[in-house]
Amino acid sequence: MTPQEYTQLKAFARQDGVLLALLWIGGFACYILGLSNPMLGLAAMVLICATPFFAASRLRHFRDYGREGIISFTRSYAYTVFIFFYAGILLAVAIYLYFTFIDNGFLMGKILETIQSPEGQKIIELYGMTKEIDENIKLIAGMRPIDYSLNMLTINIISGFILGIPIAAIMQRRTSKSDSLNAKQ
């Protein structure tokens, strides 16, 4: 890969990383709002599950328009990892801002409300997890906004490395479609 091709790859990945970050931020917003409205919780799950398909569609766009229809597995994989990296950084910033300026204990309150409900108490007792739940509540209550952000950043970068393999394997192409059509004629 030449320096110019590497610059092109990163430029496309940054743009697509912003788009993926918007998808994730929408999913995060739906998750938070879904704690009070189950339909938004479902929307959050749909948005998160759309991630690999969205990344694959953006890789296809890069392949077809930036690479003239040809892309190797290695370049596809690097592109996907970069998309997840850039999106992860933007989502981490959004999460940091949310927990620093907006949350004011909302998430913790909803967790406690669920755990302290009669149904939650029955489930905890049924599985004998009272001690573990108490320890985890203390752990979550002690987390700072930067802890949430860095945790999510790490998860998203690792997801990029893992999901990048099947996405790159499916989206790689050694010949362009026009070459394939010319060969058949």
Protein backbone atom coordinates (compact mmCIF):
# COMPACT_ATOMS: atom_id res chain seq x y z
CA MET A 1 0.00 0.00 0.00
CA THR A 2 1.43 3.34 -1.01
CA PRO A 3 1.36 6.33 1.35
CA GLN A 4 -1.31 7.93 -0.86
CA GLU A 5 -3.49 4.78 -0.69
CA TYR A 6 -3.04 4.66 3.10
CA THR A 7 -4.10 8.30 3.37
CA GLN A 8 -7.15 7.56 1.18
CA LEU A 9 -8.07 4.55 3.34
CA LYS A 10 -7.89 6.58 6.55
CA ALA A 11 -9.84 9.49 5.04
CA PHE A 12 -12.72 7.25 3.96
CA ALA A 13 -12.57 5.40 7.30
CA ARG A 14 -12.80 8.65 9.26
CA GLN A 15 -15.91 9.70 7.35
CA ASP A 16 -17.53 6.31 7.78
CA GLY A 17 -16.42 6.22 11.41
CA VAL A 18 -18.42 9.40 12.00
CA LEU A 19 -21.48 7.79 10.41
CA LEU A 20 -21.06 4.64 12.52
CA ALA A 21 -20.62 6.81 15.62
CA LEU A 22 -23.93 8.51 14.86
CA LEU A 23 -25.56 5.08 14.64
CA TRP A 24 -24.02 4.07 17.98
CA ILE A 25 -24.90 7.36 19.68
CA GLY A 26 -28.48 6.88 18.50
CA GLY A 27 -28.39 3.35 19.93
CA PHE A 28 -26.99 4.64 23.23
CA ALA A 29 -29.67 7.34 23.43
CA CYS A 30 -32.37 4.76 22.70
CA TYR A 31 -30.89 2.48 25.39
CA ILE A 32 -30.97 5.22 28.03
CA LEU A 33 -34.47 6.32 27.04
CA GLY A 34 -35.46 2.65 26.74
CA LEU A 35 -35.02 2.25 30.47
CA SER A 36 -38.34 4.10 30.71
CA ASN A 37 -39.85 3.07 27.36
CA PRO A 38 -39.42 -0.56 26.22
CA MET A 39 -39.96 0.29 22.54
CA LEU A 40 -36.89 2.50 22.58
CA GLY A 41 -34.97 -0.31 24.24
CA LEU A 42 -35.90 -2.50 21.29
CA ALA A 43 -34.80 0.25 18.89
CA ALA A 44 -31.44 0.36 20.70
CA MET A 45 -30.95 -3.37 20.14
CA VAL A 46 -31.85 -3.03 16.44
CA LEU A 47 -29.37 -0.18 15.98
CA ILE A 48 -26.58 -2.08 17.71
CA CYS A 49 -27.29 -5.27 15.74
CA ALA A 50 -27.16 -3.23 12.52
CA THR A 51 -23.51 -2.37 13.17
CA PRO A 52 -21.82 -5.14 11.11
CA PHE A 53 -24.22 -4.64 8.21
CA PHE A 54 -23.67 -0.89 8.26
CA ALA A 55 -19.88 -1.35 8.38
CA ALA A 56 -20.06 -3.82 5.49
CA SER A 57 -22.14 -1.40 3.40
CA ARG A 58 -19.64 1.39 4.03
CA LEU A 59 -16.76 -0.94 3.14
CA ARG A 60 -18.59 -1.85 -0.07
CA HIS A 61 -18.92 1.87 -0.85
CA PHE A 62 -15.17 2.37 -0.29
CA ARG A 63 -14.37 -0.68 -2.39
CA ASP A 64 -16.59 0.33 -5.29
CA TYR A 65 -15.91 4.08 -5.36
CA GLY A 66 -12.55 4.56 -3.68
CA ARG A 67 -10.86 1.38 -4.91
CA GLU A 68 -12.63 0.94 -8.27
CA GLY A 69 -14.22 -2.35 -7.24
CA ILE A 70 -11.09 -4.18 -6.08
CA ILE A 71 -9.97 -4.60 -2.48
CA SER A 72 -7.87 -7.21 -0.68
CA PHE A 73 -8.76 -8.90 2.58
CA THR A 74 -5.97 -7.05 4.39
CA ARG A 75 -7.09 -3.63 3.19
CA SER A 76 -10.74 -4.50 3.93
CA TYR A 77 -9.79 -5.61 7.43
CA ALA A 78 -7.72 -2.47 8.09
CA TYR A 79 -10.56 -0.29 6.83
CA THR A 80 -13.09 -1.98 9.11
CA VAL A 81 -10.82 -1.72 12.15
CA PHE A 82 -10.28 1.97 11.43
CA ILE A 83 -14.04 2.57 11.13
CA PHE A 84 -14.63 0.98 14.53
CA PHE A 85 -11.69 2.87 16.04
CA TYR A 86 -12.88 6.29 14.88
CA ALA A 87 -16.49 5.55 15.79
CA GLY A 88 -15.39 4.24 19.19
CA ILE A 89 -13.56 7.46 19.98
CA LEU A 90 -16.59 9.59 19.11
CA LEU A 91 -18.95 7.35 21.08
CA ALA A 92 -16.60 7.47 24.07
CA VAL A 93 -16.69 11.27 23.97
CA ALA A 94 -20.49 11.24 23.76
CA ILE A 95 -20.75 8.82 26.70
CA TYR A 96 -18.34 10.92 28.73
CA LEU A 97 -20.39 14.04 28.07
CA TYR A 98 -23.62 12.23 28.90
CA PHE A 99 -22.41 10.88 32.25
CA THR A 100 -20.65 14.15 33.15
CA PHE A 101 -23.41 16.62 32.32
CA ILE A 102 -26.74 14.87 31.69
CA ASP A 103 -27.19 11.60 33.63
CA ASN A 104 -27.25 12.93 37.23
CA GLY A 105 -27.76 9.40 38.59
CA PHE A 106 -30.56 8.40 36.19
CA LEU A 107 -28.92 5.13 35.08
CA MET A 108 -28.03 4.12 38.63
CA GLY A 109 -31.55 4.98 39.79
CA LYS A 110 -33.08 2.76 37.10
CA ILE A 111 -30.74 -0.12 37.99
CA LEU A 112 -31.66 0.18 41.67
CA GLU A 113 -35.35 0.46 40.80
CA THR A 114 -35.16 -2.78 38.82
CA ILE A 115 -33.19 -4.65 41.46
CA GLN A 116 -35.41 -3.48 44.31
CA SER A 117 -38.66 -4.33 42.55
CA PRO A 118 -40.50 -7.42 43.88
CA GLU A 119 -39.72 -9.29 40.64
CA GLY A 120 -36.06 -8.31 40.79
CA GLN A 121 -35.78 -9.40 44.42
CA LYS A 122 -37.32 -12.80 43.60
CA ILE A 123 -34.89 -13.41 40.76
CA ILE A 124 -31.90 -12.39 42.87
CA GLU A 125 -32.99 -14.68 45.70
CA LEU A 126 -33.80 -17.52 43.30
CA TYR A 127 -30.27 -17.49 41.90
CA GLY A 128 -28.64 -16.72 45.26
CA MET A 129 -26.86 -13.66 43.95
CA THR A 130 -27.57 -11.15 46.70
CA LYS A 131 -23.90 -10.71 47.64
CA GLU A 132 -22.74 -10.42 44.01
CA ILE A 133 -25.44 -7.87 43.18
CA ASP A 134 -24.51 -5.74 46.20
CA GLU A 135 -20.82 -5.81 45.20
CA ASN A 136 -21.63 -4.91 41.60
CA ILE A 137 -23.90 -2.04 42.66
CA LYS A 138 -21.06 -0.59 44.74
CA LEU A 139 -18.71 -1.01 41.80
CA ILE A 140 -21.07 0.71 39.34
CA ALA A 141 -21.84 3.51 41.81
CA GLY A 142 -18.11 4.21 42.11
CA MET A 143 -17.49 4.49 38.38
CA ARG A 144 -16.54 7.87 36.96
CA PRO A 145 -17.70 9.12 33.55
CA ILE A 146 -14.23 8.48 32.12
CA ASP A 147 -14.48 4.85 33.29
CA TYR A 148 -17.70 4.33 31.31
CA SER A 149 -16.12 6.00 28.28
CA LEU A 150 -12.88 4.02 28.32
CA ASN A 151 -14.77 0.78 28.89
CA MET A 152 -16.97 1.41 25.86
CA LEU A 153 -13.99 2.51 23.76
CA THR A 154 -12.18 -0.74 24.57
CA ILE A 155 -15.24 -2.84 23.77
CA ASN A 156 -15.75 -1.09 20.42
CA ILE A 157 -12.13 -1.39 19.33
CA ILE A 158 -12.06 -5.10 20.21
CA SER A 159 -15.37 -5.51 18.35
CA GLY A 160 -13.75 -3.95 15.30
CA PHE A 161 -10.89 -6.46 15.40
CA ILE A 162 -13.32 -9.37 15.77
CA LEU A 163 -16.10 -8.28 13.39
CA GLY A 164 -13.52 -7.05 10.88
CA ILE A 165 -12.56 -10.62 9.99
CA PRO A 166 -15.93 -11.81 8.62
CA ILE A 167 -16.77 -8.40 7.15
CA ALA A 168 -13.44 -8.21 5.30
CA ALA A 169 -13.70 -11.82 4.16
CA ILE A 170 -17.14 -11.25 2.67
CA MET A 171 -16.45 -7.84 1.12
CA GLN A 172 -13.02 -8.48 -0.44
CA ARG A 173 -12.90 -8.62 -4.21
CA ARG A 174 -9.91 -9.46 -6.39
CA THR A 175 -11.40 -8.32 -9.69
CA SER A 176 -13.85 -5.57 -10.48
CA LYS A 177 -17.33 -6.34 -11.73
CA SER A 178 -16.54 -4.76 -15.10
CA ASP A 179 -13.52 -7.11 -15.49
CA SER A 180 -15.76 -10.08 -14.67
CA LEU A 181 -18.38 -8.99 -17.22
CA ASN A 182 -15.74 -8.44 -19.91
CA ALA A 183 -14.26 -11.88 -19.27
CA LYS A 184 -17.67 -13.55 -19.68
CA GLN A 185 -18.28 -11.89 -23.04
